Amino acid sequence: MRSDTVLITGASTGIGRSTALHLAEQGYTVFAGVRRDADGAALVAAAPAASAARIVPVLLDVTREDHIRDALARVEAHAPDGLYALINNAGFNLNGAFEYTTEAEARTLMETNVVGLAALSRAALPLLRRYVAGHPGATAKLVNLGSIGSFVGIPWEAYYHASKFAVLGLSEAMRHELWPQGIRVVAVCPGGIVTDFLPKTQAGLNAGLAALPADAPPNYRTGMQKLLAMAGKASSMGSPPEAVAKRIGKVLATAQPRMRYMVGVDARITLVLQRWLPEAWFHAVIRSQFTA
């Protein structure tokens, strides 16, 4: 079993929660970023008795500099020899027609999904380098959660896809810059995952539909209704969050992990279709599924 220290964001629910539990069972000390104390207590309570003590909840809103500073100070106090892995999982979706998405809404999403991810990564680099320096021959890991939405833009959530495209590009550039320092940057990109992300997507689409003005182009309403219907079926087609947690566990256990890992049959099929179909055909498939 591993005894290294990792930090994960967005551990209150979904992929982050499952990953925190899985890594603690693997022997890691997991500093689990949550937004509320109650979420941290619930996370520890959900862990088996043998691993609960290895989960250390920390209040961590990645858009707040003081939260980042305090969280890393706690990690350093526990692990003076450095941080083995940072897992940037925190993020959220934003549904609705691009035309009627406000600048304030877009900025809020980007602050968490991209800017906050980068801010925490930048602040954690000294601890990741310290781990490498103290463990000759080992590599530290910086794992960013992308999505199949890092490769394919789906209508009615334009800014979410913009953020996930950004995460993938940022990860690739960081990987090259940090490679000589022994830090391996990896993007884990799931397809549909059965978490509370799905009901949040449904709620977001319903809100977006309600916000459409009477004179909105008619394809906006019919297209969003199609995505809403598909979201309602996704629970029977998506992968469990534990599948992503296990993939992240394997990435951390690999000295030289690849740049990208897809999770879920739907993600792999979508990527194959995008790569091998002519662009016009692939775009026609996307429009047939998600637009009027």
C-alpha atoms as a PDB file:
ATOM      1  CA  MET A   1       0.000   0.000   0.000  1.00  0.00           C
ATOM      2  CA  ARG A   2       1.080   3.574  -0.683  1.00  0.00           C
ATOM      3  CA  SER A   3       1.750   5.975   2.167  1.00  0.00           C
ATOM      4  CA  ASP A   4       2.255   9.141   0.128  1.00  0.00           C
ATOM      5  CA  THR A   5       0.188  12.306   0.460  1.00  0.00           C
ATOM      6  CA  VAL A   6      -2.249  13.570  -2.158  1.00  0.00           C
ATOM      7  CA  LEU A   7      -4.532  16.604  -2.406  1.00  0.00           C
ATOM      8  CA  ILE A   8      -7.812  16.463  -4.322  1.00  0.00           C
ATOM      9  CA  THR A   9     -10.310  19.237  -4.963  1.00  0.00           C
ATOM     10  CA  GLY A  10     -14.073  18.921  -5.267  1.00  0.00           C
ATOM     11  CA  ALA A  11     -14.247  15.932  -2.923  1.00  0.00           C
ATOM     12  CA  SER A  12     -17.733  16.613  -1.544  1.00  0.00           C
ATOM     13  CA  THR A  13     -19.574  14.636  -4.218  1.00  0.00           C
ATOM     14  CA  GLY A  14     -19.247  12.602  -7.383  1.00  0.00           C
ATOM     15  CA  ILE A  15     -15.875  11.802  -8.889  1.00  0.00           C
ATOM     16  CA  GLY A  16     -13.945  13.692  -6.210  1.00  0.00           C
ATOM     17  CA  ARG A  17     -15.688  11.887  -3.366  1.00  0.00           C
ATOM     18  CA  SER A  18     -15.197   8.464  -4.937  1.00  0.00           C
ATOM     19  CA  THR A  19     -11.550   9.207  -5.687  1.00  0.00           C
ATOM     20  CA  ALA A  20     -10.832  10.386  -2.149  1.00  0.00           C
ATOM     21  CA  LEU A  21     -12.358   7.198  -0.723  1.00  0.00           C
ATOM     22  CA  HIS A  22     -10.541   4.954  -3.202  1.00  0.00           C
ATOM     23  CA  LEU A  23      -7.124   6.519  -2.669  1.00  0.00           C
ATOM     24  CA  ALA A  24      -7.488   6.350   1.118  1.00  0.00           C
ATOM     25  CA  GLU A  25      -8.226   2.641   0.781  1.00  0.00           C
ATOM     26  CA  GLN A  26      -5.048   2.347  -1.295  1.00  0.00           C
ATOM     27  CA  GLY A  27      -3.049   3.732   1.620  1.00  0.00           C
ATOM     28  CA  TYR A  28      -2.591   7.350   0.587  1.00  0.00           C
ATOM     29  CA  THR A  29      -3.137  10.178   3.038  1.00  0.00           C
ATOM     30  CA  VAL A  30      -5.821  12.178   1.227  1.00  0.00           C
ATOM     31  CA  PHE A  31      -6.303  15.866   1.853  1.00  0.00           C
ATOM     32  CA  ALA A  32      -9.834  16.225   0.507  1.00  0.00           C
ATOM     33  CA  GLY A  33     -10.930  19.681  -0.570  1.00  0.00           C
ATOM     34  CA  VAL A  34     -14.553  20.434   0.336  1.00  0.00           C
ATOM     35  CA  ARG A  35     -16.650  23.596   0.398  1.00  0.00           C
ATOM     36  CA  ARG A  36     -18.354  22.968   3.782  1.00  0.00           C
ATOM     37  CA  ASP A  37     -17.303  21.325   7.043  1.00  0.00           C
ATOM     38  CA  ALA A  38     -20.404  19.124   6.900  1.00  0.00           C
ATOM     39  CA  ASP A  39     -19.269  17.724   3.546  1.00  0.00           C
ATOM     40  CA  GLY A  40     -15.910  16.774   5.034  1.00  0.00           C
ATOM     41  CA  ALA A  41     -17.543  15.030   7.968  1.00  0.00           C
ATOM     42  CA  ALA A  42     -19.843  13.103   5.624  1.00  0.00           C
ATOM     43  CA  LEU A  43     -16.877  12.037   3.498  1.00  0.00           C
ATOM     44  CA  VAL A  44     -14.962  10.662   6.485  1.00  0.00           C
ATOM     45  CA  ALA A  45     -18.095   8.906   7.743  1.00  0.00           C
ATOM     46  CA  ALA A  46     -18.496   7.181   4.363  1.00  0.00           C
ATOM     47  CA  ALA A  47     -14.998   5.689   4.476  1.00  0.00           C
ATOM     48  CA  PRO A  48     -14.354   2.192   5.842  1.00  0.00           C
ATOM     49  CA  ALA A  49     -12.985   2.258   9.372  1.00  0.00           C
ATOM     50  CA  ALA A  50      -9.571   1.070   8.182  1.00  0.00           C
ATOM     51  CA  SER A  51      -9.077   4.089   5.900  1.00  0.00           C
ATOM     52  CA  ALA A  52     -11.174   6.865   7.450  1.00  0.00           C
ATOM     53  CA  ALA A  53      -8.219   8.200   9.435  1.00  0.00           C
ATOM     54  CA  ARG A  54      -6.313   8.752   6.190  1.00  0.00           C
ATOM     55  CA  ILE A  55      -8.873  11.286   4.918  1.00  0.00           C
ATOM     56  CA  VAL A  56      -8.211  14.852   6.037  1.00  0.00           C
ATOM     57  CA  PRO A  57     -10.945  17.282   4.924  1.00  0.00           C
ATOM     58  CA  VAL A  58      -9.806  20.834   4.146  1.00  0.00           C
ATOM     59  CA  LEU A  59     -11.952  23.798   3.205  1.00  0.00           C
ATOM     60  CA  LEU A  60     -10.877  24.590  -0.328  1.00  0.00           C
ATOM     61  CA  ASP A  61     -12.575  26.939  -2.746  1.00  0.00           C
ATOM     62  CA  VAL A  62     -10.046  27.150  -5.576  1.00  0.00           C
ATOM     63  CA  THR A  63     -11.155  30.689  -6.417  1.00  0.00           C
ATOM     64  CA  ARG A  64      -9.967  31.913  -2.999  1.00  0.00           C
ATOM     65  CA  GLU A  65      -6.276  32.595  -2.482  1.00  0.00           C
ATOM     66  CA  ASP A  66      -6.579  32.236   1.304  1.00  0.00           C
ATOM     67  CA  HIS A  67      -8.139  28.786   0.963  1.00  0.00           C
ATOM     68  CA  ILE A  68      -5.327  27.662  -1.345  1.00  0.00           C
ATOM     69  CA  ARG A  69      -2.660  29.012   0.987  1.00  0.00           C
ATOM     70  CA  ASP A  70      -4.197  27.449   4.108  1.00  0.00           C
ATOM     71  CA  ALA A  71      -4.796  24.064   2.457  1.00  0.00           C
ATOM     72  CA  LEU A  72      -1.217  23.788   1.231  1.00  0.00           C
ATOM     73  CA  ALA A  73       0.105  24.860   4.622  1.00  0.00           C
ATOM     74  CA  ARG A  74      -1.768  21.960   6.202  1.00  0.00           C
ATOM     75  CA  VAL A  75      -0.422  19.568   3.574  1.00  0.00           C
ATOM     76  CA  GLU A  76       3.137  20.783   4.161  1.00  0.00           C
ATOM     77  CA  ALA A  77       2.793  20.428   7.938  1.00  0.00           C
ATOM     78  CA  HIS A  78       1.731  16.806   7.485  1.00  0.00           C
ATOM     79  CA  ALA A  79       4.153  15.958   4.659  1.00  0.00           C
ATOM     80  CA  PRO A  80       7.332  18.040   4.998  1.00  0.00           C
ATOM     81  CA  ASP A  81       8.953  15.759   2.409  1.00  0.00           C
ATOM     82  CA  GLY A  82       6.511  16.995  -0.230  1.00  0.00           C
ATOM     83  CA  LEU A  83       3.220  16.334  -2.003  1.00  0.00           C
ATOM     84  CA  TYR A  84       3.057  13.228  -4.162  1.00  0.00           C
ATOM     85  CA  ALA A  85       0.010  14.191  -6.220  1.00  0.00           C
ATOM     86  CA  LEU A  86      -2.416  17.028  -6.834  1.00  0.00           C
ATOM     87  CA  ILE A  87      -5.749  16.065  -8.385  1.00  0.00           C
ATOM     88  CA  ASN A  88      -7.672  19.024  -9.802  1.00  0.00           C
ATOM     89  CA  ASN A  89     -11.251  17.799  -9.889  1.00  0.00           C
ATOM     90  CA  ALA A  90     -13.339  20.812  -8.810  1.00  0.00           C
ATOM     91  CA  GLY A  91     -15.602  22.226 -11.505  1.00  0.00           C
ATOM     92  CA  PHE A  92     -19.177  22.694 -12.608  1.00  0.00           C
ATOM     93  CA  ASN A  93     -21.364  22.943 -15.697  1.00  0.00           C
ATOM     94  CA  LEU A  94     -23.312  25.877 -17.134  1.00  0.00           C
ATOM     95  CA  ASN A  95     -26.271  25.143 -19.381  1.00  0.00           C
ATOM     96  CA  GLY A  96     -28.219  27.362 -21.715  1.00  0.00           C
ATOM     97  CA  ALA A  97     -27.978  29.042 -25.083  1.00  0.00           C
ATOM     98  CA  PHE A  98     -24.670  30.816 -25.659  1.00  0.00           C
ATOM     99  CA  GLU A  99     -26.511  33.948 -26.794  1.00  0.00           C
ATOM    100  CA  TYR A 100     -28.257  34.333 -23.450  1.00  0.00           C
ATOM    101  CA  THR A 101     -25.414  33.331 -21.141  1.00  0.00           C
ATOM    102  CA  THR A 102     -24.245  36.389 -19.240  1.00  0.00           C
ATOM    103  CA  GLU A 103     -20.647  37.470 -18.926  1.00  0.00           C
ATOM    104  CA  ALA A 104     -20.913  37.157 -15.132  1.00  0.00           C
ATOM    105  CA  GLU A 105     -22.052  33.520 -15.425  1.00  0.00           C
ATOM    106  CA  ALA A 106     -19.245  32.724 -17.853  1.00  0.00           C
ATOM    107  CA  ARG A 107     -16.603  34.354 -15.655  1.00  0.00           C
ATOM    108  CA  THR A 108     -17.780  32.471 -12.574  1.00  0.00           C
ATOM    109  CA  LEU A 109     -17.445  29.136 -14.382  1.00  0.00           C
ATOM    110  CA  MET A 110     -14.025  29.968 -15.819  1.00  0.00           C
ATOM    111  CA  GLU A 111     -12.763  31.167 -12.426  1.00  0.00           C
ATOM    112  CA  THR A 112     -13.372  27.704 -10.952  1.00  0.00           C
ATOM    113  CA  ASN A 113     -12.815  25.374 -13.905  1.00  0.00           C
ATOM    114  CA  VAL A 114      -9.682  27.009 -15.318  1.00  0.00           C
ATOM    115  CA  VAL A 115      -8.287  29.938 -13.340  1.00  0.00           C
ATOM    116  CA  GLY A 116      -8.715  28.280  -9.942  1.00  0.00           C
ATOM    117  CA  LEU A 117      -7.243  25.021 -11.223  1.00  0.00           C
ATOM    118  CA  ALA A 118      -4.211  26.914 -12.492  1.00  0.00           C
ATOM    119  CA  ALA A 119      -3.846  28.933  -9.289  1.00  0.00           C
ATOM    120  CA  LEU A 120      -3.796  25.837  -7.078  1.00  0.00           C
ATOM    121  CA  SER A 121      -1.432  24.017  -9.433  1.00  0.00           C
ATOM    122  CA  ARG A 122       0.992  26.927  -9.458  1.00  0.00           C
ATOM    123  CA  ALA A 123       0.942  27.195  -5.665  1.00  0.00           C
ATOM    124  CA  ALA A 124       1.460  23.426  -5.239  1.00  0.00           C
ATOM    125  CA  LEU A 125       4.509  23.137  -7.504  1.00  0.00           C
ATOM    126  CA  PRO A 126       7.111  23.704  -4.770  1.00  0.00           C
ATOM    127  CA  LEU A 127       5.647  20.831  -2.733  1.00  0.00           C
ATOM    128  CA  LEU A 128       5.526  18.567  -5.786  1.00  0.00           C
ATOM    129  CA  ARG A 129       9.172  19.382  -6.579  1.00  0.00           C
ATOM    130  CA  ARG A 130      10.124  18.740  -2.966  1.00  0.00           C
ATOM    131  CA  TYR A 131       8.647  15.242  -3.221  1.00  0.00           C
ATOM    132  CA  VAL A 132      10.715  14.498  -6.335  1.00  0.00           C
ATOM    133  CA  ALA A 133      13.881  15.834  -4.690  1.00  0.00           C
ATOM    134  CA  GLY A 134      13.370  13.638  -1.647  1.00  0.00           C
ATOM    135  CA  HIS A 135      12.515  10.468  -3.571  1.00  0.00           C
ATOM    136  CA  PRO A 136      15.237   9.803  -6.166  1.00  0.00           C
ATOM    137  CA  GLY A 137      13.890   8.042  -9.235  1.00  0.00           C
ATOM    138  CA  ALA A 138      10.249   8.826  -8.395  1.00  0.00           C
ATOM    139  CA  THR A 139       7.879  11.207 -10.155  1.00  0.00           C
ATOM    140  CA  ALA A 140       5.181  13.424  -8.690  1.00  0.00           C
ATOM    141  CA  LYS A 141       1.768  13.628 -10.369  1.00  0.00           C
ATOM    142  CA  LEU A 142      -0.467  16.547 -11.292  1.00  0.00           C
ATOM    143  CA  VAL A 143      -3.797  15.188 -12.540  1.00  0.00           C
ATOM    144  CA  ASN A 144      -6.381  17.458 -14.159  1.00  0.00           C
ATOM    145  CA  LEU A 145      -9.940  16.283 -14.737  1.00  0.00           C
ATOM    146  CA  GLY A 146     -10.907  16.965 -18.302  1.00  0.00           C
ATOM    147  CA  SER A 147     -13.818  15.369 -20.133  1.00  0.00           C
ATOM    148  CA  ILE A 148     -14.856  13.995 -23.480  1.00  0.00           C
ATOM    149  CA  GLY A 149     -16.031  17.615 -23.571  1.00  0.00           C
ATOM    150  CA  SER A 150     -12.338  18.541 -23.826  1.00  0.00           C
ATOM    151  CA  PHE A 151     -12.425  17.180 -27.394  1.00  0.00           C
ATOM    152  CA  VAL A 152     -15.999  17.688 -28.609  1.00  0.00           C
ATOM    153  CA  GLY A 153     -18.125  20.803 -28.142  1.00  0.00           C
ATOM    154  CA  ILE A 154     -21.763  20.045 -27.373  1.00  0.00           C
ATOM    155  CA  PRO A 155     -24.374  22.791 -27.811  1.00  0.00           C
ATOM    156  CA  TRP A 156     -26.190  24.299 -24.837  1.00  0.00           C
ATOM    157  CA  GLU A 157     -23.117  24.176 -22.579  1.00  0.00           C
ATOM    158  CA  ALA A 158     -20.652  26.211 -24.602  1.00  0.00           C
ATOM    159  CA  TYR A 159     -18.681  27.685 -21.726  1.00  0.00           C
ATOM    160  CA  TYR A 160     -18.319  24.324 -19.989  1.00  0.00           C
ATOM    161  CA  HIS A 161     -16.692  22.943 -23.120  1.00  0.00           C
ATOM    162  CA  ALA A 162     -14.573  26.067 -23.481  1.00  0.00           C
ATOM    163  CA  SER A 163     -13.287  25.425 -19.954  1.00  0.00           C
ATOM    164  CA  LYS A 164     -12.583  21.750 -20.604  1.00  0.00           C
ATOM    165  CA  PHE A 165     -10.801  22.484 -23.892  1.00  0.00           C
ATOM    166  CA  ALA A 166      -8.725  24.956 -21.885  1.00  0.00           C
ATOM    167  CA  VAL A 167      -7.937  22.335 -19.220  1.00  0.00           C
ATOM    168  CA  LEU A 168      -6.641  19.947 -21.861  1.00  0.00           C
ATOM    169  CA  GLY A 169      -4.468  22.577 -23.562  1.00  0.00           C
ATOM    170  CA  LEU A 170      -3.168  23.822 -20.235  1.00  0.00           C
ATOM    171  CA  SER A 171      -2.359  20.263 -19.163  1.00  0.00           C
ATOM    172  CA  GLU A 172      -0.368  19.551 -22.314  1.00  0.00           C
ATOM    173  CA  ALA A 173       1.655  22.750 -22.038  1.00  0.00           C
ATOM    174  CA  MET A 174       2.275  22.166 -18.319  1.00  0.00           C
ATOM    175  CA  ARG A 175       3.354  18.598 -19.021  1.00  0.00           C
ATOM    176  CA  HIS A 176       6.191  19.783 -21.254  1.00  0.00           C
ATOM    177  CA  GLU A 177       7.293  22.538 -18.865  1.00  0.00           C
ATOM    178  CA  LEU A 178       7.272  20.337 -15.770  1.00  0.00           C
ATOM    179  CA  TRP A 179       8.615  17.112 -17.290  1.00  0.00           C
ATOM    180  CA  PRO A 180      12.301  17.926 -16.600  1.00  0.00           C
ATOM    181  CA  GLN A 181      11.389  18.536 -12.943  1.00  0.00           C
ATOM    182  CA  GLY A 182      10.013  15.014 -12.515  1.00  0.00           C
ATOM    183  CA  ILE A 183       6.375  16.156 -12.360  1.00  0.00           C
ATOM    184  CA  ARG A 184       4.053  14.260 -14.676  1.00  0.00           C
ATOM    185  CA  VAL A 185       0.939  16.173 -15.765  1.00  0.00           C
ATOM    186  CA  VAL A 186      -1.980  13.994 -16.841  1.00  0.00           C
ATOM    187  CA  ALA A 187      -5.499  14.729 -18.087  1.00  0.00           C
ATOM    188  CA  VAL A 188      -8.158  12.159 -17.169  1.00  0.00           C
ATOM    189  CA  CYS A 189     -11.149  12.606 -19.466  1.00  0.00           C
ATOM    190  CA  PRO A 190     -14.389  10.794 -18.564  1.00  0.00           C
ATOM    191  CA  GLY A 191     -17.498  10.453 -20.650  1.00  0.00           C
ATOM    192  CA  GLY A 192     -20.904  10.401 -19.010  1.00  0.00           C
ATOM    193  CA  ILE A 193     -20.605   9.655 -15.292  1.00  0.00           C
ATOM    194  CA  VAL A 194     -23.574   8.816 -13.096  1.00  0.00           C
ATOM    195  CA  THR A 195     -23.249  11.406 -10.324  1.00  0.00           C
ATOM    196  CA  ASP A 196     -25.247  14.395  -9.108  1.00  0.00           C
ATOM    197  CA  PHE A 197     -23.737  16.154 -12.147  1.00  0.00           C
ATOM    198  CA  LEU A 198     -26.652  14.743 -14.177  1.00  0.00           C
ATOM    199  CA  PRO A 199     -29.509  16.177 -12.103  1.00  0.00           C
ATOM    200  CA  LYS A 200     -27.593  19.458 -11.922  1.00  0.00           C
ATOM    201  CA  THR A 201     -27.407  19.427 -15.725  1.00  0.00           C
ATOM    202  CA  GLN A 202     -31.150  18.800 -15.920  1.00  0.00           C
ATOM    203  CA  ALA A 203     -31.799  21.645 -13.494  1.00  0.00           C
ATOM    204  CA  GLY A 204     -29.500  23.926 -15.492  1.00  0.00           C
ATOM    205  CA  LEU A 205     -31.272  23.107 -18.746  1.00  0.00           C
ATOM    206  CA  ASN A 206     -34.680  23.714 -17.210  1.00  0.00           C
ATOM    207  CA  ALA A 207     -33.452  27.061 -15.910  1.00  0.00           C
ATOM    208  CA  GLY A 208     -32.029  27.882 -19.327  1.00  0.00           C
ATOM    209  CA  LEU A 209     -35.302  27.022 -21.000  1.00  0.00           C
ATOM    210  CA  ALA A 210     -37.232  29.176 -18.541  1.00  0.00           C
ATOM    211  CA  ALA A 211     -34.875  32.098 -19.199  1.00  0.00           C
ATOM    212  CA  LEU A 212     -35.348  32.073 -22.982  1.00  0.00           C
ATOM    213  CA  PRO A 213     -37.122  35.226 -24.144  1.00  0.00           C
ATOM    214  CA  ALA A 214     -40.252  34.889 -26.212  1.00  0.00           C
ATOM    215  CA  ASP A 215     -38.451  36.025 -29.357  1.00  0.00           C
ATOM    216  CA  ALA A 216     -35.540  33.548 -29.016  1.00  0.00           C
ATOM    217  CA  PRO A 217     -34.783  31.538 -32.156  1.00  0.00           C
ATOM    218  CA  PRO A 218     -37.029  28.448 -32.010  1.00  0.00           C
ATOM    219  CA  ASN A 219     -34.154  25.980 -32.441  1.00  0.00           C
ATOM    220  CA  TYR A 220     -32.797  27.041 -29.033  1.00  0.00           C
ATOM    221  CA  ARG A 221     -35.829  25.669 -27.222  1.00  0.00           C
ATOM    222  CA  THR A 222     -36.144  22.468 -29.235  1.00  0.00           C
ATOM    223  CA  GLY A 223     -32.417  21.785 -29.062  1.00  0.00           C
ATOM    224  CA  MET A 224     -32.214  22.277 -25.305  1.00  0.00           C
ATOM    225  CA  GLN A 225     -35.228  20.007 -24.903  1.00  0.00           C
ATOM    226  CA  LYS A 226     -33.398  17.303 -26.853  1.00  0.00           C
ATOM    227  CA  LEU A 227     -30.369  17.554 -24.580  1.00  0.00           C
ATOM    228  CA  LEU A 228     -32.657  17.510 -21.545  1.00  0.00           C
ATOM    229  CA  ALA A 229     -34.251  14.281 -22.770  1.00  0.00           C
ATOM    230  CA  MET A 230     -30.827  12.737 -23.325  1.00  0.00           C
ATOM    231  CA  ALA A 231     -29.667  13.794 -19.853  1.00  0.00           C
ATOM    232  CA  GLY A 232     -32.664  11.981 -18.414  1.00  0.00           C
ATOM    233  CA  LYS A 233     -31.480   8.749 -20.047  1.00  0.00           C
ATOM    234  CA  ALA A 234     -27.813   9.173 -19.187  1.00  0.00           C
ATOM    235  CA  SER A 235     -28.075   7.378 -15.840  1.00  0.00           C
ATOM    236  CA  SER A 236     -28.611   4.115 -17.688  1.00  0.00           C
ATOM    237  CA  MET A 237     -25.654   4.671 -20.039  1.00  0.00           C
ATOM    238  CA  GLY A 238     -22.983   6.411 -17.978  1.00  0.00           C
ATOM    239  CA  SER A 239     -20.112   4.958 -15.986  1.00  0.00           C
ATOM    240  CA  PRO A 240     -20.011   5.011 -12.176  1.00  0.00           C
ATOM    241  CA  PRO A 241     -17.685   7.552 -10.552  1.00  0.00           C
ATOM    242  CA  GLU A 242     -15.680   4.649  -9.139  1.00  0.00           C
ATOM    243  CA  ALA A 243     -14.451   3.943 -12.684  1.00  0.00           C
ATOM    244  CA  VAL A 244     -12.762   7.341 -12.765  1.00  0.00           C
ATOM    245  CA  ALA A 245     -11.427   6.879  -9.230  1.00  0.00           C
ATOM    246  CA  LYS A 246      -9.798   3.584 -10.203  1.00  0.00           C
ATOM    247  CA  ARG A 247      -8.252   5.127 -13.310  1.00  0.00           C
ATOM    248  CA  ILE A 248      -6.785   7.950 -11.225  1.00  0.00           C
ATOM    249  CA  GLY A 249      -5.452   5.366  -8.786  1.00  0.00           C
ATOM    250  CA  LYS A 250      -3.699   3.587 -11.648  1.00  0.00           C
ATOM    251  CA  VAL A 251      -2.263   6.865 -12.927  1.00  0.00           C
ATOM    252  CA  LEU A 252      -0.793   7.611  -9.513  1.00  0.00           C
ATOM    253  CA  ALA A 253       0.719   4.123  -9.339  1.00  0.00           C
ATOM    254  CA  THR A 254       2.426   4.547 -12.742  1.00  0.00           C
ATOM    255  CA  ALA A 255       5.870   6.113 -12.806  1.00  0.00           C
ATOM    256  CA  GLN A 256       5.486   7.431 -16.364  1.00  0.00           C
ATOM    257  CA  PRO A 257       1.769   7.838 -17.103  1.00  0.00           C
ATOM    258  CA  ARG A 258       0.499   8.913 -20.495  1.00  0.00           C
ATOM    259  CA  MET A 259      -0.748  12.417 -21.190  1.00  0.00           C
ATOM    260  CA  ARG A 260      -4.440  11.497 -21.627  1.00  0.00           C
ATOM    261  CA  TYR A 261      -6.723   8.777 -20.333  1.00  0.00           C
ATOM    262  CA  MET A 262     -10.313   8.354 -21.490  1.00  0.00           C
ATOM    263  CA  VAL A 263     -12.829   6.770 -19.114  1.00  0.00           C
ATOM    264  CA  GLY A 264     -16.057   5.197 -20.351  1.00  0.00           C
ATOM    265  CA  VAL A 265     -17.107   3.423 -23.535  1.00  0.00           C
ATOM    266  CA  ASP A 266     -19.091   6.467 -24.665  1.00  0.00           C
ATOM    267  CA  ALA A 267     -16.016   8.693 -24.426  1.00  0.00           C
ATOM    268  CA  ARG A 268     -13.883   6.274 -26.430  1.00  0.00           C
ATOM    269  CA  ILE A 269     -16.519   5.802 -29.142  1.00  0.00           C
ATOM    270  CA  THR A 270     -17.083   9.544 -29.475  1.00  0.00           C
ATOM    271  CA  LEU A 271     -13.368  10.200 -29.827  1.00  0.00           C
ATOM    272  CA  VAL A 272     -12.980   7.484 -32.470  1.00  0.00           C
ATOM    273  CA  LEU A 273     -15.896   8.897 -34.464  1.00  0.00           C
ATOM    274  CA  GLN A 274     -14.456  12.399 -34.274  1.00  0.00           C
ATOM    275  CA  ARG A 275     -11.057  11.237 -35.487  1.00  0.00           C
ATOM    276  CA  TRP A 276     -12.203   8.984 -38.317  1.00  0.00           C
ATOM    277  CA  LEU A 277     -15.395  10.492 -39.699  1.00  0.00           C
ATOM    278  CA  PRO A 278     -15.175  13.425 -42.095  1.00  0.00           C
ATOM    279  CA  GLU A 279     -15.787  16.615 -40.140  1.00  0.00           C
ATOM    280  CA  ALA A 280     -19.065  17.378 -41.913  1.00  0.00           C
ATOM    281  CA  TRP A 281     -20.400  13.901 -41.092  1.00  0.00           C
ATOM    282  CA  PHE A 282     -19.354  14.074 -37.456  1.00  0.00           C
ATOM    283  CA  HIS A 283     -20.869  17.526 -37.003  1.00  0.00           C
ATOM    284  CA  ALA A 284     -24.081  16.300 -38.630  1.00  0.00           C
ATOM    285  CA  VAL A 285     -24.229  13.491 -36.047  1.00  0.00           C
ATOM    286  CA  ILE A 286     -23.767  15.990 -33.185  1.00  0.00           C
ATOM    287  CA  ARG A 287     -26.468  18.295 -34.539  1.00  0.00           C
ATOM    288  CA  SER A 288     -28.855  15.385 -35.024  1.00  0.00           C
ATOM    289  CA  GLN A 289     -28.475  14.456 -31.364  1.00  0.00           C
ATOM    290  CA  PHE A 290     -28.396  17.860 -29.689  1.00  0.00           C
ATOM    291  CA  THR A 291     -30.069  20.436 -31.937  1.00  0.00           C
ATOM    292  CA  ALA A 292     -33.353  20.830 -33.758  1.00  0.00           C
END
